[in-house]
Amino acid sequence: MAPLIRPLSATTPRWPSRWAAADPGRLAALIPPLTDELMIAGRAAWQVLAGAAAGASLRGRLHCAVAPYDVSYLVASWDSARQFP
């Protein structure tokens, strides 16, 4: 039986880290047929985020990427990369 949660490892697909890369251009480029095929929910909301973040200096962090029962879930955050006084 496969484990319910698989921690990040050298064999973890690279796509979770791409989602956490703080790259608004990647989110803006999502296309409905592909997101439907990959069952990625919330495409329109992701693209609104991309528009709001365009031109911002951001850094991304991947907190968790798991695949219980071969369904992938990830938790990532974006923060300002600017240093505030």
N, C-alpha and C. Protein backbone atom coordinates (compact mmCIF):
# COMPACT_ATOMS: atom_id res chain seq x y z
N MET A 1 0.83 -1.17 0.00
CA MET A 1 0.00 0.00 0.00
C MET A 1 0.89 1.25 0.00
N ALA A 2 0.53 2.23 -0.83
CA ALA A 2 1.30 3.47 -0.92
C ALA A 2 1.08 4.31 0.33
N PRO A 3 2.11 5.05 0.75
CA PRO A 3 1.92 5.91 1.92
C PRO A 3 0.90 7.01 1.62
N LEU A 4 0.18 7.45 2.65
CA LEU A 4 -0.83 8.48 2.45
C LEU A 4 -0.21 9.83 2.16
N ILE A 5 0.93 10.13 2.74
CA ILE A 5 1.58 11.42 2.53
C ILE A 5 3.02 11.16 2.12
N ARG A 6 3.40 11.80 1.02
CA ARG A 6 4.77 11.68 0.54
C ARG A 6 5.48 13.01 0.75
N PRO A 7 6.50 13.06 1.58
CA PRO A 7 7.22 14.32 1.78
C PRO A 7 8.00 14.70 0.53
N LEU A 8 8.38 15.96 0.46
CA LEU A 8 9.21 16.40 -0.66
C LEU A 8 10.51 15.61 -0.66
N SER A 9 10.93 15.20 -1.84
CA SER A 9 12.17 14.45 -1.96
C SER A 9 12.74 14.72 -3.34
N ALA A 10 13.86 14.07 -3.63
CA ALA A 10 14.50 14.23 -4.93
C ALA A 10 13.61 13.72 -6.05
N THR A 11 12.68 12.84 -5.75
CA THR A 11 11.81 12.28 -6.79
C THR A 11 10.47 13.02 -6.90
N THR A 12 10.23 14.01 -6.02
CA THR A 12 8.99 14.77 -6.10
C THR A 12 8.99 15.57 -7.40
N PRO A 13 7.89 15.55 -8.15
CA PRO A 13 7.85 16.33 -9.38
C PRO A 13 8.17 17.79 -9.11
N ARG A 14 8.71 18.45 -10.12
CA ARG A 14 9.13 19.84 -9.96
C ARG A 14 7.97 20.83 -9.98
N TRP A 15 6.79 20.42 -10.40
CA TRP A 15 5.72 21.40 -10.54
C TRP A 15 5.35 22.10 -9.24
N PRO A 16 5.38 21.46 -8.06
CA PRO A 16 5.03 22.23 -6.86
C PRO A 16 5.94 23.42 -6.65
N SER A 17 7.24 23.25 -6.86
CA SER A 17 8.16 24.36 -6.66
C SER A 17 7.93 25.46 -7.68
N ARG A 18 7.45 25.10 -8.86
CA ARG A 18 7.14 26.12 -9.86
C ARG A 18 5.95 26.97 -9.43
N TRP A 19 4.97 26.37 -8.77
CA TRP A 19 3.83 27.14 -8.28
C TRP A 19 4.26 28.09 -7.18
N ALA A 20 5.26 27.72 -6.41
CA ALA A 20 5.73 28.57 -5.32
C ALA A 20 6.81 29.55 -5.76
N ALA A 21 7.14 29.58 -7.03
CA ALA A 21 8.24 30.39 -7.52
C ALA A 21 7.94 31.89 -7.57
N ALA A 22 6.75 32.31 -7.18
CA ALA A 22 6.36 33.73 -7.20
C ALA A 22 6.53 34.32 -8.58
N ASP A 23 6.03 33.63 -9.58
CA ASP A 23 6.12 34.07 -10.98
C ASP A 23 4.72 34.34 -11.50
N PRO A 24 4.25 35.60 -11.42
CA PRO A 24 2.90 35.92 -11.88
C PRO A 24 2.68 35.57 -13.35
N GLY A 25 3.72 35.62 -14.15
CA GLY A 25 3.58 35.29 -15.57
C GLY A 25 3.12 33.87 -15.80
N ARG A 26 3.58 32.94 -14.98
CA ARG A 26 3.14 31.55 -15.11
C ARG A 26 1.66 31.42 -14.81
N LEU A 27 1.18 32.14 -13.79
CA LEU A 27 -0.24 32.07 -13.47
C LEU A 27 -1.07 32.72 -14.56
N ALA A 28 -0.60 33.84 -15.09
CA ALA A 28 -1.34 34.53 -16.15
C ALA A 28 -1.44 33.68 -17.41
N ALA A 29 -0.48 32.79 -17.61
CA ALA A 29 -0.44 31.97 -18.83
C ALA A 29 -1.29 30.71 -18.75
N LEU A 30 -1.95 30.47 -17.60
CA LEU A 30 -2.79 29.27 -17.50
C LEU A 30 -3.91 29.32 -18.54
N ILE A 31 -4.14 28.20 -19.19
CA ILE A 31 -5.19 28.14 -20.21
C ILE A 31 -6.26 27.14 -19.78
N PRO A 32 -7.53 27.47 -20.03
CA PRO A 32 -8.62 26.61 -19.55
C PRO A 32 -8.50 25.13 -19.94
N PRO A 33 -8.19 24.79 -21.21
CA PRO A 33 -8.14 23.35 -21.52
C PRO A 33 -7.11 22.60 -20.68
N LEU A 34 -5.95 23.21 -20.45
CA LEU A 34 -4.91 22.53 -19.68
C LEU A 34 -5.30 22.44 -18.21
N THR A 35 -5.82 23.52 -17.63
CA THR A 35 -6.22 23.46 -16.23
C THR A 35 -7.37 22.49 -16.02
N ASP A 36 -8.26 22.38 -17.00
CA ASP A 36 -9.33 21.40 -16.90
C ASP A 36 -8.78 19.98 -16.94
N GLU A 37 -7.84 19.75 -17.87
CA GLU A 37 -7.26 18.42 -18.02
C GLU A 37 -6.50 18.01 -16.75
N LEU A 38 -5.79 18.96 -16.15
CA LEU A 38 -5.00 18.66 -14.95
C LEU A 38 -5.81 18.81 -13.67
N MET A 39 -7.09 19.17 -13.82
CA MET A 39 -7.99 19.36 -12.68
C MET A 39 -7.43 20.38 -11.68
N ILE A 40 -6.93 21.49 -12.22
CA ILE A 40 -6.45 22.59 -11.39
C ILE A 40 -7.61 23.54 -11.18
N ALA A 41 -8.06 23.67 -9.96
CA ALA A 41 -9.23 24.49 -9.66
C ALA A 41 -8.83 25.95 -9.49
N GLY A 42 -9.78 26.84 -9.79
CA GLY A 42 -9.60 28.26 -9.51
C GLY A 42 -8.75 29.03 -10.49
N ARG A 43 -8.72 28.61 -11.76
CA ARG A 43 -7.88 29.29 -12.75
C ARG A 43 -8.13 30.79 -12.77
N ALA A 44 -9.38 31.21 -12.79
CA ALA A 44 -9.69 32.64 -12.86
C ALA A 44 -9.13 33.39 -11.65
N ALA A 45 -9.26 32.81 -10.48
CA ALA A 45 -8.72 33.45 -9.27
C ALA A 45 -7.20 33.53 -9.33
N TRP A 46 -6.55 32.47 -9.84
CA TRP A 46 -5.09 32.50 -9.99
C TRP A 46 -4.69 33.62 -10.93
N GLN A 47 -5.47 33.83 -12.00
CA GLN A 47 -5.11 34.87 -12.96
C GLN A 47 -5.36 36.27 -12.40
N VAL A 48 -6.35 36.42 -11.54
CA VAL A 48 -6.55 37.70 -10.84
C VAL A 48 -5.33 37.98 -9.95
N LEU A 49 -4.88 36.97 -9.24
CA LEU A 49 -3.67 37.11 -8.43
C LEU A 49 -2.48 37.52 -9.29
N ALA A 50 -2.35 36.90 -10.45
CA ALA A 50 -1.24 37.23 -11.35
C ALA A 50 -1.28 38.70 -11.76
N GLY A 51 -2.47 39.19 -12.07
CA GLY A 51 -2.60 40.59 -12.45
C GLY A 51 -2.25 41.53 -11.30
N ALA A 52 -2.69 41.19 -10.10
CA ALA A 52 -2.41 42.02 -8.93
C ALA A 52 -0.92 42.00 -8.56
N ALA A 53 -0.25 40.90 -8.84
CA ALA A 53 1.16 40.75 -8.47
C ALA A 53 2.13 41.16 -9.57
N ALA A 54 1.62 41.48 -10.75
CA ALA A 54 2.49 41.82 -11.88
C ALA A 54 3.41 42.99 -11.51
N GLY A 55 4.68 42.82 -11.76
CA GLY A 55 5.66 43.86 -11.51
C GLY A 55 6.15 43.94 -10.07
N ALA A 56 5.56 43.19 -9.18
CA ALA A 56 5.97 43.22 -7.78
C ALA A 56 7.23 42.37 -7.58
N SER A 57 8.01 42.75 -6.62
CA SER A 57 9.20 41.97 -6.25
C SER A 57 8.77 40.97 -5.18
N LEU A 58 8.68 39.71 -5.57
CA LEU A 58 8.13 38.69 -4.69
C LEU A 58 9.11 37.54 -4.48
N ARG A 59 8.92 36.84 -3.39
CA ARG A 59 9.65 35.58 -3.17
C ARG A 59 8.62 34.54 -2.77
N GLY A 60 8.81 33.34 -3.23
CA GLY A 60 7.87 32.28 -2.95
C GLY A 60 8.46 31.25 -2.01
N ARG A 61 7.58 30.58 -1.31
CA ARG A 61 8.02 29.51 -0.40
C ARG A 61 7.01 28.36 -0.49
N LEU A 62 7.51 27.19 -0.72
CA LEU A 62 6.68 25.99 -0.74
C LEU A 62 6.69 25.41 0.67
N HIS A 63 5.53 25.37 1.32
CA HIS A 63 5.44 24.88 2.68
C HIS A 63 5.20 23.37 2.73
N CYS A 64 4.41 22.87 1.78
CA CYS A 64 4.05 21.46 1.82
C CYS A 64 3.58 21.02 0.44
N ALA A 65 3.96 19.85 0.03
CA ALA A 65 3.45 19.24 -1.20
C ALA A 65 3.26 17.76 -0.91
N VAL A 66 2.02 17.32 -0.92
CA VAL A 66 1.71 15.93 -0.59
C VAL A 66 0.79 15.36 -1.66
N ALA A 67 0.73 14.04 -1.71
CA ALA A 67 -0.13 13.38 -2.69
C ALA A 67 -0.80 12.17 -2.06
N PRO A 68 -1.72 12.39 -1.11
CA PRO A 68 -2.43 11.24 -0.57
C PRO A 68 -3.34 10.65 -1.63
N TYR A 69 -3.33 9.35 -1.75
CA TYR A 69 -4.16 8.65 -2.74
C TYR A 69 -3.93 9.17 -4.15
N ASP A 70 -2.70 9.60 -4.44
CA ASP A 70 -2.31 10.11 -5.76
C ASP A 70 -3.07 11.36 -6.18
N VAL A 71 -3.55 12.13 -5.24
CA VAL A 71 -4.15 13.44 -5.50
C VAL A 71 -3.20 14.46 -4.88
N SER A 72 -2.69 15.37 -5.70
CA SER A 72 -1.68 16.32 -5.21
C SER A 72 -2.30 17.55 -4.58
N TYR A 73 -1.71 17.95 -3.47
CA TYR A 73 -2.09 19.17 -2.77
C TYR A 73 -0.80 19.91 -2.44
N LEU A 74 -0.84 21.23 -2.49
CA LEU A 74 0.33 21.99 -2.08
C LEU A 74 -0.10 23.24 -1.34
N VAL A 75 0.79 23.70 -0.49
CA VAL A 75 0.60 24.95 0.24
C VAL A 75 1.84 25.79 -0.01
N ALA A 76 1.62 26.95 -0.58
CA ALA A 76 2.72 27.86 -0.89
C ALA A 76 2.31 29.27 -0.51
N SER A 77 3.29 30.12 -0.30
CA SER A 77 3.00 31.52 -0.02
C SER A 77 3.94 32.41 -0.80
N TRP A 78 3.48 33.60 -1.06
CA TRP A 78 4.30 34.64 -1.69
C TRP A 78 4.39 35.80 -0.73
N ASP A 79 5.57 36.35 -0.59
CA ASP A 79 5.81 37.50 0.26
C ASP A 79 6.59 38.54 -0.53
N SER A 80 6.53 39.76 -0.05
CA SER A 80 7.31 40.82 -0.66
C SER A 80 8.78 40.53 -0.46
N ALA A 81 9.55 40.67 -1.52
CA ALA A 81 11.00 40.44 -1.43
C ALA A 81 11.71 41.73 -1.01
N ARG A 82 10.97 42.84 -0.97
CA ARG A 82 11.57 44.11 -0.56
C ARG A 82 11.86 44.11 0.94
N GLN A 83 12.92 44.78 1.29
CA GLN A 83 13.25 44.95 2.70
C GLN A 83 12.60 46.23 3.20
N PHE A 84 11.84 46.13 4.25
CA PHE A 84 11.18 47.30 4.80
C PHE A 84 11.98 47.80 6.02
N PRO A 85 12.06 49.12 6.18
CA PRO A 85 12.79 49.66 7.33
C PRO A 85 12.13 49.34 8.64
